[in-house]
Amino acid sequence: MTLIQLVITLSIVAITAQFASPAYHTLTEQQRRQTTAEQLANSLRKARSEALIRHQYVVIHALDDDWSNGWRVILDESGQGHTDENNPVLAEKQNRNLIPVAANSPVKHYVRFNPLGEPLLSAGGFQAGTLHVCQVKEALSHYQIVLAKSGRISLRNQKSAQALCAMA
């Protein structure tokens, strides 16, 4: 191979890489959003199952009050929820993918399941809400984890504008 052939080949590779890079980044981010949504929905289901199996209160809460950082599932033995560090940790997931997750106010920081698997606020009222897995730097929700007042958790894949995502 001559030097000219090598330079031409490298130029073609560089040009191709410039066009492929944004598409690869988009694909990678989409995969991270899907993984985050599935893991969060599964963790919520696990927390509910643990509450039913153990017949005790179980709390899943956002790390540092931000679901984007990850979450922790704890057994609420003291009744003080995630504010009591002595409650045993059942599971923890740290989100290093930096995928934004936003939630409406009833589920903004935590979800607490009673021994019957029903989500209840600390004050005793029923808890229902939606957690949105958002697109980075845009007010767009790609996945929604919906918590019904019965405790049912559903994962939806509906791309829609969401003001909460702009704040995440």
N, C-alpha and C. Protein backbone atom coordinates (compact mmCIF):
# COMPACT_ATOMS: atom_id res chain seq x y z
N MET A 1 0.84 -1.19 0.00
CA MET A 1 0.00 0.00 0.00
C MET A 1 0.88 1.24 0.00
N THR A 2 0.48 2.20 -0.77
CA THR A 2 1.23 3.44 -0.81
C THR A 2 0.68 4.39 0.24
N LEU A 3 1.42 5.43 0.46
CA LEU A 3 1.02 6.44 1.43
C LEU A 3 -0.27 7.12 0.98
N ILE A 4 -0.43 7.35 -0.30
CA ILE A 4 -1.63 8.01 -0.83
C ILE A 4 -2.85 7.11 -0.60
N GLN A 5 -2.75 5.82 -0.82
CA GLN A 5 -3.86 4.91 -0.59
C GLN A 5 -4.25 4.87 0.90
N LEU A 6 -3.25 4.89 1.74
CA LEU A 6 -3.50 4.89 3.18
C LEU A 6 -4.22 6.16 3.63
N VAL A 7 -3.79 7.31 3.11
CA VAL A 7 -4.43 8.58 3.46
C VAL A 7 -5.87 8.61 2.96
N ILE A 8 -6.12 8.12 1.76
CA ILE A 8 -7.48 8.10 1.21
C ILE A 8 -8.37 7.17 2.05
N THR A 9 -7.86 6.02 2.41
CA THR A 9 -8.62 5.08 3.23
C THR A 9 -8.95 5.68 4.59
N LEU A 10 -7.98 6.31 5.23
CA LEU A 10 -8.23 6.94 6.52
C LEU A 10 -9.23 8.09 6.40
N SER A 11 -9.19 8.82 5.32
CA SER A 11 -10.15 9.91 5.09
C SER A 11 -11.56 9.36 4.97
N ILE A 12 -11.71 8.28 4.25
CA ILE A 12 -13.04 7.67 4.09
C ILE A 12 -13.55 7.17 5.45
N VAL A 13 -12.69 6.55 6.22
CA VAL A 13 -13.08 6.07 7.55
C VAL A 13 -13.48 7.24 8.44
N ALA A 14 -12.74 8.33 8.40
CA ALA A 14 -13.04 9.50 9.23
C ALA A 14 -14.37 10.13 8.85
N ILE A 15 -14.64 10.23 7.57
CA ILE A 15 -15.91 10.82 7.10
C ILE A 15 -17.08 9.93 7.50
N THR A 16 -16.92 8.63 7.33
CA THR A 16 -17.97 7.68 7.72
C THR A 16 -18.23 7.74 9.23
N ALA A 17 -17.18 7.84 10.01
CA ALA A 17 -17.32 7.92 11.47
C ALA A 17 -18.06 9.18 11.90
N GLN A 18 -17.86 10.29 11.20
CA GLN A 18 -18.56 11.53 11.54
C GLN A 18 -20.06 11.38 11.35
N PHE A 19 -20.48 10.67 10.32
CA PHE A 19 -21.91 10.49 10.07
C PHE A 19 -22.51 9.41 10.98
N ALA A 20 -21.73 8.43 11.35
CA ALA A 20 -22.24 7.33 12.18
C ALA A 20 -22.28 7.68 13.66
N SER A 21 -21.44 8.57 14.11
CA SER A 21 -21.34 8.88 15.53
C SER A 21 -22.64 9.39 16.15
N PRO A 22 -23.33 10.37 15.55
CA PRO A 22 -24.60 10.82 16.16
C PRO A 22 -25.65 9.71 16.22
N ALA A 23 -25.72 8.90 15.19
CA ALA A 23 -26.69 7.80 15.18
C ALA A 23 -26.36 6.79 16.28
N TYR A 24 -25.10 6.50 16.47
CA TYR A 24 -24.67 5.57 17.51
C TYR A 24 -24.98 6.15 18.89
N HIS A 25 -24.74 7.44 19.08
CA HIS A 25 -25.03 8.08 20.36
C HIS A 25 -26.53 8.02 20.66
N THR A 26 -27.36 8.27 19.67
CA THR A 26 -28.81 8.22 19.84
C THR A 26 -29.26 6.80 20.20
N LEU A 27 -28.72 5.83 19.52
CA LEU A 27 -29.06 4.43 19.79
C LEU A 27 -28.63 4.03 21.20
N THR A 28 -27.45 4.44 21.61
CA THR A 28 -26.94 4.11 22.95
C THR A 28 -27.81 4.75 24.03
N GLU A 29 -28.18 6.01 23.84
CA GLU A 29 -29.02 6.69 24.83
C GLU A 29 -30.39 6.02 24.92
N GLN A 30 -30.95 5.63 23.78
CA GLN A 30 -32.25 4.95 23.77
C GLN A 30 -32.18 3.65 24.56
N GLN A 31 -31.11 2.90 24.38
CA GLN A 31 -30.93 1.64 25.10
C GLN A 31 -30.80 1.89 26.61
N ARG A 32 -30.10 2.94 26.98
CA ARG A 32 -29.95 3.27 28.41
C ARG A 32 -31.28 3.68 29.03
N ARG A 33 -32.08 4.44 28.28
CA ARG A 33 -33.41 4.83 28.79
C ARG A 33 -34.27 3.59 29.02
N GLN A 34 -34.28 2.69 28.06
CA GLN A 34 -35.09 1.47 28.18
C GLN A 34 -34.64 0.63 29.37
N THR A 35 -33.34 0.46 29.52
CA THR A 35 -32.80 -0.32 30.63
C THR A 35 -33.17 0.30 31.97
N THR A 36 -33.01 1.63 32.07
CA THR A 36 -33.36 2.33 33.31
C THR A 36 -34.83 2.16 33.64
N ALA A 37 -35.71 2.30 32.65
CA ALA A 37 -37.15 2.16 32.87
C ALA A 37 -37.50 0.75 33.33
N GLU A 38 -36.93 -0.25 32.69
CA GLU A 38 -37.21 -1.63 33.07
C GLU A 38 -36.69 -1.94 34.47
N GLN A 39 -35.50 -1.47 34.79
CA GLN A 39 -34.94 -1.73 36.12
C GLN A 39 -35.75 -1.04 37.21
N LEU A 40 -36.19 0.19 36.97
CA LEU A 40 -36.99 0.89 37.97
C LEU A 40 -38.35 0.23 38.16
N ALA A 41 -38.99 -0.16 37.08
CA ALA A 41 -40.28 -0.85 37.19
C ALA A 41 -40.11 -2.17 37.93
N ASN A 42 -39.06 -2.90 37.62
CA ASN A 42 -38.82 -4.18 38.31
C ASN A 42 -38.51 -3.97 39.79
N SER A 43 -37.79 -2.92 40.12
CA SER A 43 -37.49 -2.64 41.53
C SER A 43 -38.76 -2.28 42.29
N LEU A 44 -39.65 -1.52 41.68
CA LEU A 44 -40.93 -1.20 42.31
C LEU A 44 -41.75 -2.48 42.54
N ARG A 45 -41.76 -3.35 41.55
CA ARG A 45 -42.48 -4.62 41.70
C ARG A 45 -41.86 -5.47 42.81
N LYS A 46 -40.54 -5.48 42.87
CA LYS A 46 -39.84 -6.24 43.91
C LYS A 46 -40.19 -5.68 45.30
N ALA A 47 -40.21 -4.36 45.42
CA ALA A 47 -40.55 -3.74 46.71
C ALA A 47 -41.97 -4.13 47.13
N ARG A 48 -42.88 -4.11 46.19
CA ARG A 48 -44.26 -4.50 46.50
C ARG A 48 -44.33 -5.97 46.90
N SER A 49 -43.62 -6.82 46.18
CA SER A 49 -43.61 -8.24 46.50
C SER A 49 -43.02 -8.49 47.89
N GLU A 50 -41.96 -7.79 48.21
CA GLU A 50 -41.35 -7.95 49.53
C GLU A 50 -42.31 -7.53 50.64
N ALA A 51 -43.07 -6.47 50.40
CA ALA A 51 -44.06 -6.04 51.40
C ALA A 51 -45.12 -7.12 51.61
N LEU A 52 -45.56 -7.73 50.52
CA LEU A 52 -46.56 -8.80 50.63
C LEU A 52 -45.99 -10.05 51.29
N ILE A 53 -44.80 -10.45 50.89
CA ILE A 53 -44.18 -11.67 51.43
C ILE A 53 -43.85 -11.53 52.90
N ARG A 54 -43.23 -10.40 53.25
CA ARG A 54 -42.78 -10.20 54.64
C ARG A 54 -43.89 -9.68 55.55
N HIS A 55 -44.98 -9.23 54.93
CA HIS A 55 -46.10 -8.63 55.66
C HIS A 55 -45.61 -7.46 56.53
N GLN A 56 -44.79 -6.61 55.91
CA GLN A 56 -44.25 -5.42 56.55
C GLN A 56 -44.22 -4.29 55.53
N TYR A 57 -44.02 -3.08 56.01
CA TYR A 57 -43.88 -1.93 55.13
C TYR A 57 -42.51 -1.99 54.43
N VAL A 58 -42.51 -1.70 53.15
CA VAL A 58 -41.28 -1.64 52.36
C VAL A 58 -41.29 -0.32 51.60
N VAL A 59 -40.15 0.34 51.60
CA VAL A 59 -40.02 1.65 50.94
C VAL A 59 -38.96 1.54 49.85
N ILE A 60 -39.27 2.10 48.70
CA ILE A 60 -38.26 2.30 47.66
C ILE A 60 -38.12 3.82 47.53
N HIS A 61 -36.89 4.30 47.65
CA HIS A 61 -36.71 5.75 47.62
C HIS A 61 -35.57 6.14 46.68
N ALA A 62 -35.64 7.36 46.20
CA ALA A 62 -34.62 7.90 45.30
C ALA A 62 -33.36 8.22 46.09
N LEU A 63 -32.20 7.87 45.55
CA LEU A 63 -30.94 8.22 46.20
C LEU A 63 -30.73 9.73 46.09
N ASP A 64 -30.41 10.36 47.19
CA ASP A 64 -30.22 11.82 47.25
C ASP A 64 -31.44 12.57 46.73
N ASP A 65 -32.63 12.01 46.97
CA ASP A 65 -33.91 12.60 46.54
C ASP A 65 -33.98 12.86 45.04
N ASP A 66 -33.29 12.06 44.24
CA ASP A 66 -33.30 12.19 42.78
C ASP A 66 -33.26 10.80 42.16
N TRP A 67 -34.35 10.39 41.53
CA TRP A 67 -34.45 9.07 40.91
C TRP A 67 -33.36 8.88 39.85
N SER A 68 -32.86 9.96 39.28
CA SER A 68 -31.81 9.86 38.26
C SER A 68 -30.52 9.28 38.84
N ASN A 69 -30.30 9.44 40.14
CA ASN A 69 -29.10 8.91 40.78
C ASN A 69 -29.21 7.43 41.13
N GLY A 70 -30.42 6.93 41.14
CA GLY A 70 -30.66 5.54 41.49
C GLY A 70 -31.68 5.44 42.61
N TRP A 71 -31.83 4.24 43.19
CA TRP A 71 -32.84 4.03 44.21
C TRP A 71 -32.41 2.90 45.14
N ARG A 72 -33.09 2.86 46.28
CA ARG A 72 -32.80 1.85 47.30
C ARG A 72 -34.13 1.30 47.82
N VAL A 73 -34.19 -0.01 48.01
CA VAL A 73 -35.36 -0.67 48.58
C VAL A 73 -35.01 -1.05 50.01
N ILE A 74 -35.84 -0.60 50.95
CA ILE A 74 -35.57 -0.88 52.37
C ILE A 74 -36.80 -1.47 53.05
N LEU A 75 -36.54 -2.24 54.08
CA LEU A 75 -37.59 -2.76 54.94
C LEU A 75 -37.82 -1.72 56.03
N ASP A 76 -39.02 -1.20 56.12
CA ASP A 76 -39.32 -0.10 57.04
C ASP A 76 -39.71 -0.65 58.42
N GLU A 77 -38.73 -1.11 59.16
CA GLU A 77 -38.99 -1.68 60.49
C GLU A 77 -39.36 -0.62 61.51
N SER A 78 -38.76 0.57 61.41
CA SER A 78 -38.98 1.61 62.41
C SER A 78 -40.23 2.46 62.14
N GLY A 79 -40.73 2.39 60.91
CA GLY A 79 -41.87 3.23 60.54
C GLY A 79 -41.47 4.64 60.11
N GLN A 80 -40.16 4.91 60.08
CA GLN A 80 -39.68 6.23 59.68
C GLN A 80 -39.20 6.26 58.23
N GLY A 81 -39.38 5.18 57.52
CA GLY A 81 -39.03 5.15 56.10
C GLY A 81 -37.54 5.28 55.85
N HIS A 82 -37.22 5.95 54.77
CA HIS A 82 -35.82 6.07 54.36
C HIS A 82 -35.03 7.07 55.20
N THR A 83 -35.70 7.79 56.09
CA THR A 83 -34.97 8.73 56.95
C THR A 83 -34.24 8.00 58.07
N ASP A 84 -34.63 6.76 58.36
CA ASP A 84 -33.96 5.97 59.39
C ASP A 84 -32.92 5.08 58.71
N GLU A 85 -31.67 5.38 58.94
CA GLU A 85 -30.58 4.63 58.29
C GLU A 85 -30.40 3.24 58.88
N ASN A 86 -31.07 2.92 59.98
CA ASN A 86 -30.96 1.59 60.58
C ASN A 86 -31.89 0.57 59.94
N ASN A 87 -32.81 1.03 59.09
CA ASN A 87 -33.69 0.10 58.39
C ASN A 87 -32.86 -0.73 57.41
N PRO A 88 -33.10 -2.05 57.36
CA PRO A 88 -32.29 -2.91 56.49
C PRO A 88 -32.53 -2.62 55.00
N VAL A 89 -31.44 -2.62 54.24
CA VAL A 89 -31.49 -2.42 52.80
C VAL A 89 -31.71 -3.77 52.13
N LEU A 90 -32.73 -3.85 51.28
CA LEU A 90 -33.02 -5.09 50.56
C LEU A 90 -32.36 -5.09 49.18
N ALA A 91 -32.28 -3.92 48.56
CA ALA A 91 -31.67 -3.81 47.23
C ALA A 91 -31.30 -2.35 46.97
N GLU A 92 -30.34 -2.17 46.11
CA GLU A 92 -29.93 -0.81 45.73
C GLU A 92 -29.47 -0.82 44.28
N LYS A 93 -29.83 0.22 43.57
CA LYS A 93 -29.40 0.38 42.17
C LYS A 93 -28.91 1.81 42.00
N GLN A 94 -27.66 1.95 41.63
CA GLN A 94 -27.13 3.28 41.34
C GLN A 94 -27.17 3.48 39.83
N ASN A 95 -27.66 4.62 39.41
CA ASN A 95 -27.81 4.91 37.99
C ASN A 95 -26.61 5.72 37.52
N ARG A 96 -25.65 5.05 36.95
CA ARG A 96 -24.46 5.74 36.46
C ARG A 96 -24.59 6.14 35.00
N ASN A 97 -25.73 5.79 34.40
CA ASN A 97 -25.94 6.11 32.98
C ASN A 97 -26.32 7.56 32.76
N LEU A 98 -26.61 8.27 33.85
CA LEU A 98 -27.02 9.67 33.79
C LEU A 98 -28.26 9.88 32.92
N ILE A 99 -29.19 8.97 33.04
CA ILE A 99 -30.48 9.10 32.36
C ILE A 99 -31.42 9.81 33.33
N PRO A 100 -32.00 10.94 32.91
CA PRO A 100 -32.89 11.67 33.81
C PRO A 100 -34.20 10.93 34.07
N VAL A 101 -34.59 10.91 35.33
CA VAL A 101 -35.86 10.33 35.74
C VAL A 101 -36.57 11.38 36.58
N ALA A 102 -37.78 11.73 36.16
CA ALA A 102 -38.57 12.74 36.87
C ALA A 102 -39.87 12.10 37.35
N ALA A 103 -40.41 12.62 38.43
CA ALA A 103 -41.65 12.06 38.99
C ALA A 103 -42.57 13.18 39.44
N ASN A 104 -43.89 12.89 39.39
CA ASN A 104 -44.82 13.87 39.92
C ASN A 104 -44.81 13.79 41.44
N SER A 105 -45.43 14.77 42.09
CA SER A 105 -45.22 14.96 43.53
C SER A 105 -45.56 13.76 44.42
N PRO A 106 -46.59 12.94 44.18
CA PRO A 106 -46.84 11.83 45.11
C PRO A 106 -45.70 10.81 45.17
N VAL A 107 -44.93 10.68 44.10
CA VAL A 107 -43.85 9.68 44.06
C VAL A 107 -42.50 10.35 43.80
N LYS A 108 -42.41 11.63 44.10
CA LYS A 108 -41.21 12.39 43.79
C LYS A 108 -39.96 11.86 44.50
N HIS A 109 -40.09 11.39 45.74
CA HIS A 109 -38.93 10.96 46.51
C HIS A 109 -38.97 9.49 46.94
N TYR A 110 -40.17 8.94 47.09
CA TYR A 110 -40.27 7.57 47.59
C TYR A 110 -41.62 6.97 47.23
N VAL A 111 -41.67 5.63 47.34
CA VAL A 111 -42.93 4.88 47.27
C VAL A 111 -42.90 3.92 48.45
N ARG A 112 -43.99 3.91 49.20
CA ARG A 112 -44.07 3.09 50.42
C ARG A 112 -45.23 2.12 50.28
N PHE A 113 -44.92 0.82 50.35
CA PHE A 113 -45.93 -0.22 50.24
C PHE A 113 -46.27 -0.76 51.61
N ASN A 114 -47.58 -0.90 51.89
CA ASN A 114 -48.01 -1.47 53.17
C ASN A 114 -47.98 -3.00 53.07
N PRO A 115 -48.24 -3.72 54.15
CA PRO A 115 -48.18 -5.18 54.11
C PRO A 115 -49.15 -5.84 53.13
N LEU A 116 -50.14 -5.10 52.65
CA LEU A 116 -51.07 -5.63 51.66
C LEU A 116 -50.65 -5.28 50.23
N GLY A 117 -49.50 -4.63 50.09
CA GLY A 117 -48.99 -4.28 48.76
C GLY A 117 -49.57 -3.01 48.19
N GLU A 118 -50.25 -2.23 49.03
CA GLU A 118 -50.85 -0.98 48.57
C GLU A 118 -49.88 0.17 48.85
N PRO A 119 -49.72 1.08 47.90
CA PRO A 119 -48.83 2.22 48.14
C PRO A 119 -49.53 3.28 48.99
N LEU A 120 -48.86 3.66 50.09
CA LEU A 120 -49.42 4.65 51.00
C LEU A 120 -48.38 5.72 51.30
N LEU A 121 -48.83 6.96 51.39
CA LEU A 121 -47.96 8.05 51.82
C LEU A 121 -47.66 7.88 53.30
N SER A 122 -46.66 8.55 53.79
CA SER A 122 -46.31 8.48 55.22
C SER A 122 -47.47 8.92 56.10
N ALA A 123 -48.26 9.88 55.60
CA ALA A 123 -49.40 10.38 56.37
C ALA A 123 -50.59 9.42 56.34
N GLY A 124 -50.53 8.39 55.47
CA GLY A 124 -51.59 7.40 55.44
C GLY A 124 -52.47 7.43 54.21
N GLY A 125 -52.43 8.50 53.43
CA GLY A 125 -53.24 8.57 52.22
C GLY A 125 -52.70 7.67 51.12
N PHE A 126 -53.56 7.32 50.15
CA PHE A 126 -53.08 6.45 49.08
C PHE A 126 -52.07 7.20 48.22
N GLN A 127 -51.18 6.44 47.64
CA GLN A 127 -50.08 7.00 46.85
C GLN A 127 -50.17 6.44 45.44
N ALA A 128 -50.23 7.32 44.47
CA ALA A 128 -50.23 6.92 43.07
C ALA A 128 -49.50 8.01 42.30
N GLY A 129 -48.87 7.65 41.22
CA GLY A 129 -48.15 8.66 40.45
C GLY A 129 -47.41 8.04 39.28
N THR A 130 -46.63 8.88 38.62
CA THR A 130 -45.90 8.47 37.43
C THR A 130 -44.46 8.92 37.51
N LEU A 131 -43.57 8.00 37.18
CA LEU A 131 -42.15 8.32 37.05
C LEU A 131 -41.83 8.32 35.56
N HIS A 132 -41.20 9.38 35.09
CA HIS A 132 -40.89 9.53 33.67
C HIS A 132 -39.40 9.33 33.42
N VAL A 133 -39.07 8.48 32.48
CA VAL A 133 -37.68 8.31 32.04
C VAL A 133 -37.54 9.21 30.82
N CYS A 134 -36.69 10.23 30.99
CA CYS A 134 -36.65 11.34 30.04
C CYS A 134 -35.46 11.28 29.08
N GLN A 135 -35.59 12.06 28.04
CA GLN A 135 -34.48 12.25 27.11
C GLN A 135 -33.53 13.27 27.71
N VAL A 136 -32.24 13.05 27.54
CA VAL A 136 -31.24 13.96 28.09
C VAL A 136 -31.41 15.34 27.45
N LYS A 137 -31.45 16.38 28.28
CA LYS A 137 -31.49 17.78 27.88
C LYS A 137 -32.73 18.19 27.09
N GLU A 138 -33.81 17.42 27.19
CA GLU A 138 -35.05 17.80 26.53
C GLU A 138 -36.24 17.45 27.42
N ALA A 139 -37.32 18.17 27.24
CA ALA A 139 -38.54 17.93 28.02
C ALA A 139 -39.40 16.88 27.32
N LEU A 140 -38.84 15.68 27.18
CA LEU A 140 -39.50 14.61 26.45
C LEU A 140 -39.42 13.33 27.27
N SER A 141 -40.58 12.76 27.55
CA SER A 141 -40.66 11.50 28.30
C SER A 141 -40.77 10.35 27.30
N HIS A 142 -39.89 9.37 27.42
CA HIS A 142 -39.94 8.21 26.53
C HIS A 142 -40.63 7.02 27.18
N TYR A 143 -40.43 6.84 28.49
CA TYR A 143 -41.04 5.74 29.23
C TYR A 143 -41.71 6.29 30.47
N GLN A 144 -42.83 5.68 30.85
CA GLN A 144 -43.55 6.08 32.03
C GLN A 144 -43.80 4.84 32.90
N ILE A 145 -43.41 4.94 34.16
CA ILE A 145 -43.70 3.89 35.11
C ILE A 145 -44.87 4.41 35.95
N VAL A 146 -46.01 3.79 35.80
CA VAL A 146 -47.24 4.28 36.42
C VAL A 146 -47.58 3.40 37.62
N LEU A 147 -47.76 4.05 38.76
CA LEU A 147 -48.14 3.38 40.00
C LEU A 147 -49.61 3.69 40.27
N ALA A 148 -50.44 2.67 40.22
CA ALA A 148 -51.87 2.83 40.51
C ALA A 148 -52.09 2.76 42.02
N LYS A 149 -53.22 3.29 42.48
CA LYS A 149 -53.48 3.27 43.93
C LYS A 149 -53.67 1.86 44.47
N SER A 150 -53.92 0.89 43.58
CA SER A 150 -54.04 -0.51 44.00
C SER A 150 -52.67 -1.15 44.23
N GLY A 151 -51.61 -0.49 43.73
CA GLY A 151 -50.27 -1.03 43.84
C GLY A 151 -49.75 -1.60 42.53
N ARG A 152 -50.61 -1.66 41.53
CA ARG A 152 -50.19 -2.18 40.21
C ARG A 152 -49.18 -1.23 39.59
N ILE A 153 -48.12 -1.81 39.02
CA ILE A 153 -47.07 -1.03 38.38
C ILE A 153 -47.05 -1.39 36.91
N SER A 154 -47.20 -0.39 36.07
CA SER A 154 -47.15 -0.65 34.63
C SER A 154 -46.07 0.20 33.99
N LEU A 155 -45.44 -0.36 32.98
CA LEU A 155 -44.40 0.33 32.23
C LEU A 155 -44.96 0.64 30.86
N ARG A 156 -44.98 1.92 30.53
CA ARG A 156 -45.51 2.36 29.24
C ARG A 156 -44.41 2.99 28.41
N ASN A 157 -44.54 2.83 27.12
CA ASN A 157 -43.58 3.36 26.17
C ASN A 157 -44.31 4.33 25.26
N GLN A 158 -44.53 5.55 25.75
CA GLN A 158 -45.25 6.56 24.98
C GLN A 158 -44.42 7.84 24.97
N LYS A 159 -43.87 8.15 23.84
CA LYS A 159 -43.05 9.35 23.70
C LYS A 159 -43.97 10.57 23.73
N SER A 160 -43.74 11.46 24.72
CA SER A 160 -44.60 12.64 24.83
C SER A 160 -43.85 13.77 25.54
N ALA A 161 -44.28 14.98 25.27
CA ALA A 161 -43.70 16.14 25.95
C ALA A 161 -44.07 16.07 27.42
N GLN A 162 -43.11 16.39 28.28
CA GLN A 162 -43.34 16.34 29.72
C GLN A 162 -42.55 17.43 30.40
N ALA A 163 -43.25 18.38 31.02
CA ALA A 163 -42.61 19.51 31.68
C ALA A 163 -41.68 19.07 32.81
N LEU A 164 -42.03 17.97 33.50
CA LEU A 164 -41.17 17.48 34.59
C LEU A 164 -39.78 17.09 34.09
N CYS A 165 -39.71 16.65 32.83
CA CYS A 165 -38.41 16.24 32.27
C CYS A 165 -37.47 17.43 32.10
N ALA A 166 -38.02 18.60 31.91
CA ALA A 166 -37.16 19.79 31.76
C ALA A 166 -36.46 20.13 33.08
N MET A 167 -37.09 19.73 34.20
CA MET A 167 -36.52 20.02 35.51
C MET A 167 -35.57 18.93 36.00
N ALA A 168 -35.60 17.77 35.35
CA ALA A 168 -34.77 16.63 35.79
C ALA A 168 -33.31 16.81 35.41
